[in-house]
């Protein structure tokens, strides 16, 4: 059975890029969210195997959403994505429970490597 993934990014074209990489490589994208609040709701509803989460988003940022998801499921697998290679954000994300970190613009092989490593 294909791993089920929730894609979270406020930019529709970024969600489309990630979705494209994932579906071409046998993953099932079960949902999308455009902000952290939606991400938390979709996670509750869909119970995906993994979440790709943008950091900088309106309503609720990715790190806050990550913390909310981890409260619901301490075993959740979340990979953070951000254009900013800001060290502090990476550290915040990892401390909050992120399994990996992908920098935009995405390279398909890096996305796939992070996902397969996280899903084991």
N, C-alpha and C. Protein backbone atom coordinates (compact mmCIF):
# COMPACT_ATOMS: atom_id res chain seq x y z
N UNK A 1 0.83 -1.19 0.00
CA UNK A 1 0.00 0.00 0.00
C UNK A 1 0.88 1.25 0.00
N UNK A 2 0.50 2.24 -0.79
CA UNK A 2 1.28 3.47 -0.89
C UNK A 2 1.19 4.26 0.41
N UNK A 3 2.29 4.91 0.75
CA UNK A 3 2.28 5.78 1.93
C UNK A 3 1.42 6.99 1.64
N UNK A 4 0.63 7.40 2.64
CA UNK A 4 -0.30 8.51 2.48
C UNK A 4 0.33 9.79 3.03
N UNK A 5 0.35 10.83 2.19
CA UNK A 5 1.05 12.06 2.55
C UNK A 5 0.13 13.28 2.46
N UNK A 6 0.26 14.16 3.45
CA UNK A 6 -0.45 15.43 3.47
C UNK A 6 0.56 16.52 3.10
N UNK A 7 0.23 17.33 2.10
CA UNK A 7 1.14 18.38 1.61
C UNK A 7 0.62 19.74 2.09
N UNK A 8 1.47 20.46 2.83
CA UNK A 8 1.06 21.75 3.39
C UNK A 8 2.00 22.86 2.92
N UNK A 9 1.43 23.83 2.21
CA UNK A 9 2.19 25.00 1.77
C UNK A 9 1.19 26.06 1.37
N UNK A 10 1.49 27.33 1.67
CA UNK A 10 0.54 28.38 1.30
C UNK A 10 0.59 28.71 -0.18
N UNK A 11 1.64 28.28 -0.87
CA UNK A 11 1.74 28.52 -2.32
C UNK A 11 1.24 27.30 -3.09
N UNK A 12 0.19 27.51 -3.88
CA UNK A 12 -0.42 26.40 -4.64
C UNK A 12 0.59 25.73 -5.56
N UNK A 13 1.47 26.51 -6.20
CA UNK A 13 2.43 25.90 -7.13
C UNK A 13 3.44 25.03 -6.40
N UNK A 14 3.77 25.38 -5.15
CA UNK A 14 4.68 24.54 -4.36
C UNK A 14 4.00 23.21 -4.01
N UNK A 15 2.71 23.29 -3.63
CA UNK A 15 1.98 22.05 -3.34
C UNK A 15 1.95 21.18 -4.60
N UNK A 16 1.73 21.82 -5.73
CA UNK A 16 1.66 21.08 -6.99
C UNK A 16 3.00 20.41 -7.31
N UNK A 17 4.09 21.14 -7.08
CA UNK A 17 5.42 20.57 -7.33
C UNK A 17 5.68 19.34 -6.45
N UNK A 18 5.39 19.48 -5.18
CA UNK A 18 5.62 18.36 -4.25
C UNK A 18 4.73 17.18 -4.62
N UNK A 19 3.45 17.49 -4.89
CA UNK A 19 2.49 16.44 -5.26
C UNK A 19 2.97 15.68 -6.48
N UNK A 20 3.47 16.42 -7.44
CA UNK A 20 3.98 15.83 -8.68
C UNK A 20 5.14 14.87 -8.40
N UNK A 21 6.09 15.32 -7.60
CA UNK A 21 7.25 14.49 -7.24
C UNK A 21 6.77 13.22 -6.54
N UNK A 22 5.84 13.38 -5.60
CA UNK A 22 5.37 12.25 -4.79
C UNK A 22 4.58 11.23 -5.61
N UNK A 23 3.61 11.71 -6.39
CA UNK A 23 2.76 10.78 -7.13
C UNK A 23 3.56 10.03 -8.20
N UNK A 24 4.53 10.72 -8.81
CA UNK A 24 5.37 10.05 -9.82
C UNK A 24 6.22 8.94 -9.20
N UNK A 25 6.40 9.02 -7.89
CA UNK A 25 7.24 8.03 -7.22
C UNK A 25 6.46 7.09 -6.31
N UNK A 26 5.17 6.97 -6.59
CA UNK A 26 4.37 5.94 -5.92
C UNK A 26 3.76 6.30 -4.59
N UNK A 27 3.86 7.57 -4.19
CA UNK A 27 3.22 7.98 -2.94
C UNK A 27 1.81 8.46 -3.23
N UNK A 28 0.95 8.38 -2.23
CA UNK A 28 -0.42 8.85 -2.39
C UNK A 28 -0.59 10.16 -1.61
N UNK A 29 -0.92 11.23 -2.32
CA UNK A 29 -1.17 12.50 -1.64
C UNK A 29 -2.66 12.50 -1.25
N UNK A 30 -2.91 12.38 0.06
CA UNK A 30 -4.29 12.25 0.54
C UNK A 30 -4.96 13.58 0.82
N UNK A 31 -4.16 14.65 0.89
CA UNK A 31 -4.75 15.95 1.17
C UNK A 31 -3.75 17.07 1.03
N UNK A 32 -4.28 18.28 0.99
CA UNK A 32 -3.46 19.48 0.90
C UNK A 32 -4.01 20.51 1.86
N UNK A 33 -3.13 21.38 2.35
CA UNK A 33 -3.56 22.48 3.21
C UNK A 33 -2.73 23.71 2.86
N UNK A 34 -3.36 24.89 2.98
CA UNK A 34 -2.69 26.14 2.61
C UNK A 34 -2.17 26.92 3.82
N UNK A 35 -2.49 26.46 5.02
CA UNK A 35 -1.93 27.10 6.22
C UNK A 35 -1.91 26.09 7.37
N UNK A 36 -1.28 26.51 8.46
CA UNK A 36 -1.10 25.61 9.60
C UNK A 36 -2.40 25.14 10.22
N UNK A 37 -3.37 26.04 10.28
CA UNK A 37 -4.67 25.70 10.87
C UNK A 37 -5.33 24.56 10.07
N UNK A 38 -5.34 24.72 8.74
CA UNK A 38 -5.89 23.67 7.86
C UNK A 38 -5.10 22.38 8.01
N UNK A 39 -3.78 22.51 8.16
CA UNK A 39 -2.92 21.34 8.29
C UNK A 39 -3.31 20.49 9.50
N UNK A 40 -3.56 21.17 10.62
CA UNK A 40 -3.94 20.47 11.85
C UNK A 40 -5.29 19.77 11.66
N UNK A 41 -6.25 20.49 11.05
CA UNK A 41 -7.58 19.91 10.82
C UNK A 41 -7.50 18.71 9.87
N UNK A 42 -6.74 18.86 8.78
CA UNK A 42 -6.60 17.77 7.80
C UNK A 42 -5.90 16.57 8.44
N UNK A 43 -4.90 16.84 9.28
CA UNK A 43 -4.18 15.74 9.93
C UNK A 43 -5.15 14.92 10.77
N UNK A 44 -5.98 15.64 11.54
CA UNK A 44 -6.98 15.00 12.41
C UNK A 44 -7.92 14.12 11.59
N UNK A 45 -8.31 14.65 10.44
CA UNK A 45 -9.29 13.99 9.59
C UNK A 45 -8.69 12.83 8.78
N UNK A 46 -7.49 13.01 8.25
CA UNK A 46 -6.93 12.05 7.29
C UNK A 46 -5.92 11.05 7.86
N UNK A 47 -5.33 11.36 9.02
CA UNK A 47 -4.30 10.49 9.61
C UNK A 47 -3.25 10.03 8.59
N UNK A 48 -2.56 10.98 7.94
CA UNK A 48 -1.56 10.59 6.94
C UNK A 48 -0.32 9.94 7.59
N UNK A 49 0.47 9.23 6.78
CA UNK A 49 1.70 8.60 7.27
C UNK A 49 2.78 9.65 7.46
N UNK A 50 2.68 10.74 6.67
CA UNK A 50 3.72 11.76 6.70
C UNK A 50 3.12 13.09 6.25
N UNK A 51 3.71 14.19 6.76
CA UNK A 51 3.28 15.53 6.37
C UNK A 51 4.50 16.30 5.87
N UNK A 52 4.38 16.97 4.72
CA UNK A 52 5.41 17.93 4.32
C UNK A 52 4.83 19.29 4.70
N UNK A 53 5.56 20.07 5.48
CA UNK A 53 5.03 21.29 6.08
C UNK A 53 5.92 22.50 5.80
N UNK A 54 5.32 23.50 5.15
CA UNK A 54 6.01 24.77 4.95
C UNK A 54 6.11 25.45 6.31
N UNK A 55 7.12 26.32 6.50
CA UNK A 55 7.24 27.00 7.79
C UNK A 55 6.48 28.32 7.79
N UNK A 56 6.73 29.14 6.77
CA UNK A 56 6.14 30.48 6.74
C UNK A 56 4.80 30.46 6.04
N UNK A 57 3.71 30.57 6.82
CA UNK A 57 2.35 30.54 6.26
C UNK A 57 1.46 31.48 7.05
N UNK A 58 0.36 31.93 6.43
CA UNK A 58 -0.59 32.78 7.16
C UNK A 58 -1.39 31.95 8.18
N UNK A 59 -2.16 32.61 9.00
CA UNK A 59 -3.00 31.99 10.04
C UNK A 59 -2.17 31.34 11.15
N UNK A 60 -1.53 30.23 10.82
CA UNK A 60 -0.69 29.51 11.79
C UNK A 60 0.54 29.05 11.04
N UNK A 61 1.73 29.35 11.58
CA UNK A 61 2.96 28.93 10.87
C UNK A 61 3.20 27.44 11.05
N UNK A 62 4.13 26.94 10.26
CA UNK A 62 4.40 25.50 10.23
C UNK A 62 4.91 24.92 11.53
N UNK A 63 5.70 25.70 12.27
CA UNK A 63 6.25 25.17 13.53
C UNK A 63 5.14 25.03 14.57
N UNK A 64 4.22 26.00 14.62
CA UNK A 64 3.09 25.90 15.54
C UNK A 64 2.21 24.71 15.16
N UNK A 65 1.96 24.56 13.85
CA UNK A 65 1.14 23.44 13.37
C UNK A 65 1.82 22.11 13.70
N UNK A 66 3.14 22.06 13.53
CA UNK A 66 3.91 20.86 13.86
C UNK A 66 3.71 20.49 15.33
N UNK A 67 3.79 21.49 16.21
CA UNK A 67 3.61 21.23 17.65
C UNK A 67 2.20 20.71 17.95
N UNK A 68 1.20 21.28 17.28
CA UNK A 68 -0.19 20.83 17.48
C UNK A 68 -0.36 19.37 17.03
N UNK A 69 0.22 19.05 15.87
CA UNK A 69 0.14 17.69 15.32
C UNK A 69 0.86 16.71 16.26
N UNK A 70 2.01 17.12 16.78
CA UNK A 70 2.77 16.26 17.70
C UNK A 70 1.99 16.02 19.00
N UNK A 71 1.19 17.01 19.42
CA UNK A 71 0.35 16.82 20.62
C UNK A 71 -0.69 15.74 20.36
N UNK A 72 -1.28 15.76 19.15
CA UNK A 72 -2.30 14.77 18.79
C UNK A 72 -1.69 13.39 18.63
N UNK A 73 -0.51 13.37 17.99
CA UNK A 73 0.15 12.10 17.72
C UNK A 73 1.66 12.28 17.87
N UNK A 74 2.20 11.88 19.03
CA UNK A 74 3.64 12.03 19.28
C UNK A 74 4.50 11.27 18.27
N UNK A 75 3.91 10.29 17.57
CA UNK A 75 4.67 9.51 16.59
C UNK A 75 4.52 10.05 15.16
N UNK A 76 3.87 11.21 15.03
CA UNK A 76 3.67 11.75 13.68
C UNK A 76 5.01 12.02 13.01
N UNK A 77 5.00 11.92 11.69
CA UNK A 77 6.21 12.16 10.90
C UNK A 77 5.98 13.41 10.05
N UNK A 78 6.75 14.46 10.36
CA UNK A 78 6.60 15.72 9.66
C UNK A 78 7.96 16.17 9.13
N UNK A 79 7.99 16.53 7.85
CA UNK A 79 9.20 17.08 7.24
C UNK A 79 8.93 18.54 6.93
N UNK A 80 9.77 19.42 7.44
CA UNK A 80 9.58 20.85 7.24
C UNK A 80 10.20 21.28 5.91
N UNK A 81 9.56 22.29 5.28
CA UNK A 81 10.06 22.84 4.03
C UNK A 81 10.11 24.35 4.17
N UNK A 82 11.21 24.95 3.73
CA UNK A 82 11.27 26.40 3.79
C UNK A 82 12.28 26.95 2.81
N UNK A 83 11.98 28.12 2.29
CA UNK A 83 12.90 28.79 1.38
C UNK A 83 14.05 29.40 2.17
N UNK A 84 13.79 29.67 3.42
CA UNK A 84 14.81 30.33 4.22
C UNK A 84 15.72 29.31 4.87
N UNK A 85 16.98 29.39 4.57
CA UNK A 85 17.93 28.48 5.19
C UNK A 85 18.34 29.05 6.54
N UNK A 86 17.38 29.60 7.28
CA UNK A 86 17.72 30.20 8.56
C UNK A 86 17.95 29.13 9.61
N UNK A 87 19.15 29.14 10.14
CA UNK A 87 19.56 28.14 11.11
C UNK A 87 18.60 28.04 12.29
N UNK A 88 18.15 29.18 12.80
CA UNK A 88 17.28 29.18 13.98
C UNK A 88 15.97 28.45 13.71
N UNK A 89 15.41 28.66 12.52
CA UNK A 89 14.14 27.99 12.17
C UNK A 89 14.32 26.50 12.05
N UNK A 90 15.43 26.09 11.46
CA UNK A 90 15.73 24.66 11.31
C UNK A 90 15.81 24.04 12.71
N UNK A 91 16.53 24.69 13.60
CA UNK A 91 16.70 24.17 14.96
C UNK A 91 15.35 24.12 15.68
N UNK A 92 14.55 25.20 15.56
CA UNK A 92 13.21 25.22 16.17
C UNK A 92 12.38 24.05 15.68
N UNK A 93 12.41 23.83 14.36
CA UNK A 93 11.61 22.77 13.75
C UNK A 93 12.03 21.39 14.26
N UNK A 94 13.32 21.16 14.31
CA UNK A 94 13.83 19.86 14.77
C UNK A 94 13.49 19.66 16.26
N UNK A 95 13.66 20.72 17.05
CA UNK A 95 13.34 20.61 18.48
C UNK A 95 11.84 20.38 18.70
N UNK A 96 11.04 20.91 17.79
CA UNK A 96 9.59 20.73 17.91
C UNK A 96 9.15 19.34 17.42
N UNK A 97 10.08 18.58 16.86
CA UNK A 97 9.76 17.20 16.48
C UNK A 97 9.79 16.90 14.99
N UNK A 98 10.24 17.85 14.17
CA UNK A 98 10.33 17.58 12.73
C UNK A 98 11.37 16.48 12.50
N UNK A 99 11.11 15.63 11.52
CA UNK A 99 12.02 14.51 11.24
C UNK A 99 13.13 14.90 10.27
N UNK A 100 12.87 15.93 9.46
CA UNK A 100 13.86 16.34 8.47
C UNK A 100 13.48 17.73 7.99
N UNK A 101 14.33 18.29 7.13
CA UNK A 101 14.14 19.66 6.67
C UNK A 101 14.55 19.74 5.21
N UNK A 102 13.68 20.26 4.36
CA UNK A 102 13.99 20.40 2.93
C UNK A 102 13.98 21.88 2.60
N UNK A 103 14.99 22.33 1.87
CA UNK A 103 15.07 23.73 1.49
C UNK A 103 14.53 23.92 0.07
N UNK A 104 13.74 24.99 -0.11
CA UNK A 104 13.23 25.34 -1.44
C UNK A 104 14.31 26.13 -2.16
N UNK A 105 14.41 26.11 -3.47
CA UNK A 105 13.58 25.32 -4.39
C UNK A 105 13.90 23.83 -4.25
N UNK A 106 12.86 23.01 -4.34
CA UNK A 106 13.02 21.57 -4.11
C UNK A 106 13.79 20.88 -5.21
N UNK A 107 14.61 19.93 -4.79
CA UNK A 107 15.20 19.02 -5.75
C UNK A 107 14.52 17.69 -5.47
N UNK A 108 13.94 17.13 -6.52
CA UNK A 108 13.14 15.90 -6.38
C UNK A 108 13.87 14.82 -5.59
N UNK A 109 15.15 14.60 -5.89
CA UNK A 109 15.87 13.52 -5.20
C UNK A 109 16.03 13.81 -3.71
N UNK A 110 16.18 15.08 -3.33
CA UNK A 110 16.30 15.43 -1.91
C UNK A 110 14.96 15.22 -1.19
N UNK A 111 13.86 15.57 -1.85
CA UNK A 111 12.53 15.37 -1.29
C UNK A 111 12.30 13.88 -1.05
N UNK A 112 12.60 13.09 -2.06
CA UNK A 112 12.38 11.64 -1.97
C UNK A 112 13.28 10.99 -0.93
N UNK A 113 14.51 11.47 -0.85
CA UNK A 113 15.45 10.93 0.13
C UNK A 113 14.95 11.20 1.56
N UNK A 114 14.49 12.43 1.81
CA UNK A 114 13.99 12.81 3.13
C UNK A 114 12.77 11.96 3.50
N UNK A 115 11.89 11.76 2.52
CA UNK A 115 10.66 11.00 2.77
C UNK A 115 10.95 9.53 3.01
N UNK A 116 11.78 8.93 2.18
CA UNK A 116 12.04 7.51 2.37
C UNK A 116 12.81 7.26 3.66
N UNK A 117 13.69 8.19 4.02
CA UNK A 117 14.44 8.06 5.27
C UNK A 117 13.49 8.18 6.48
N UNK A 118 12.55 9.12 6.41
CA UNK A 118 11.62 9.34 7.51
C UNK A 118 10.63 8.19 7.66
N UNK A 119 10.17 7.66 6.53
CA UNK A 119 9.20 6.56 6.58
C UNK A 119 9.88 5.23 6.88
N UNK A 120 11.18 5.21 6.73
CA UNK A 120 11.96 4.01 7.06
C UNK A 120 11.70 2.93 6.06
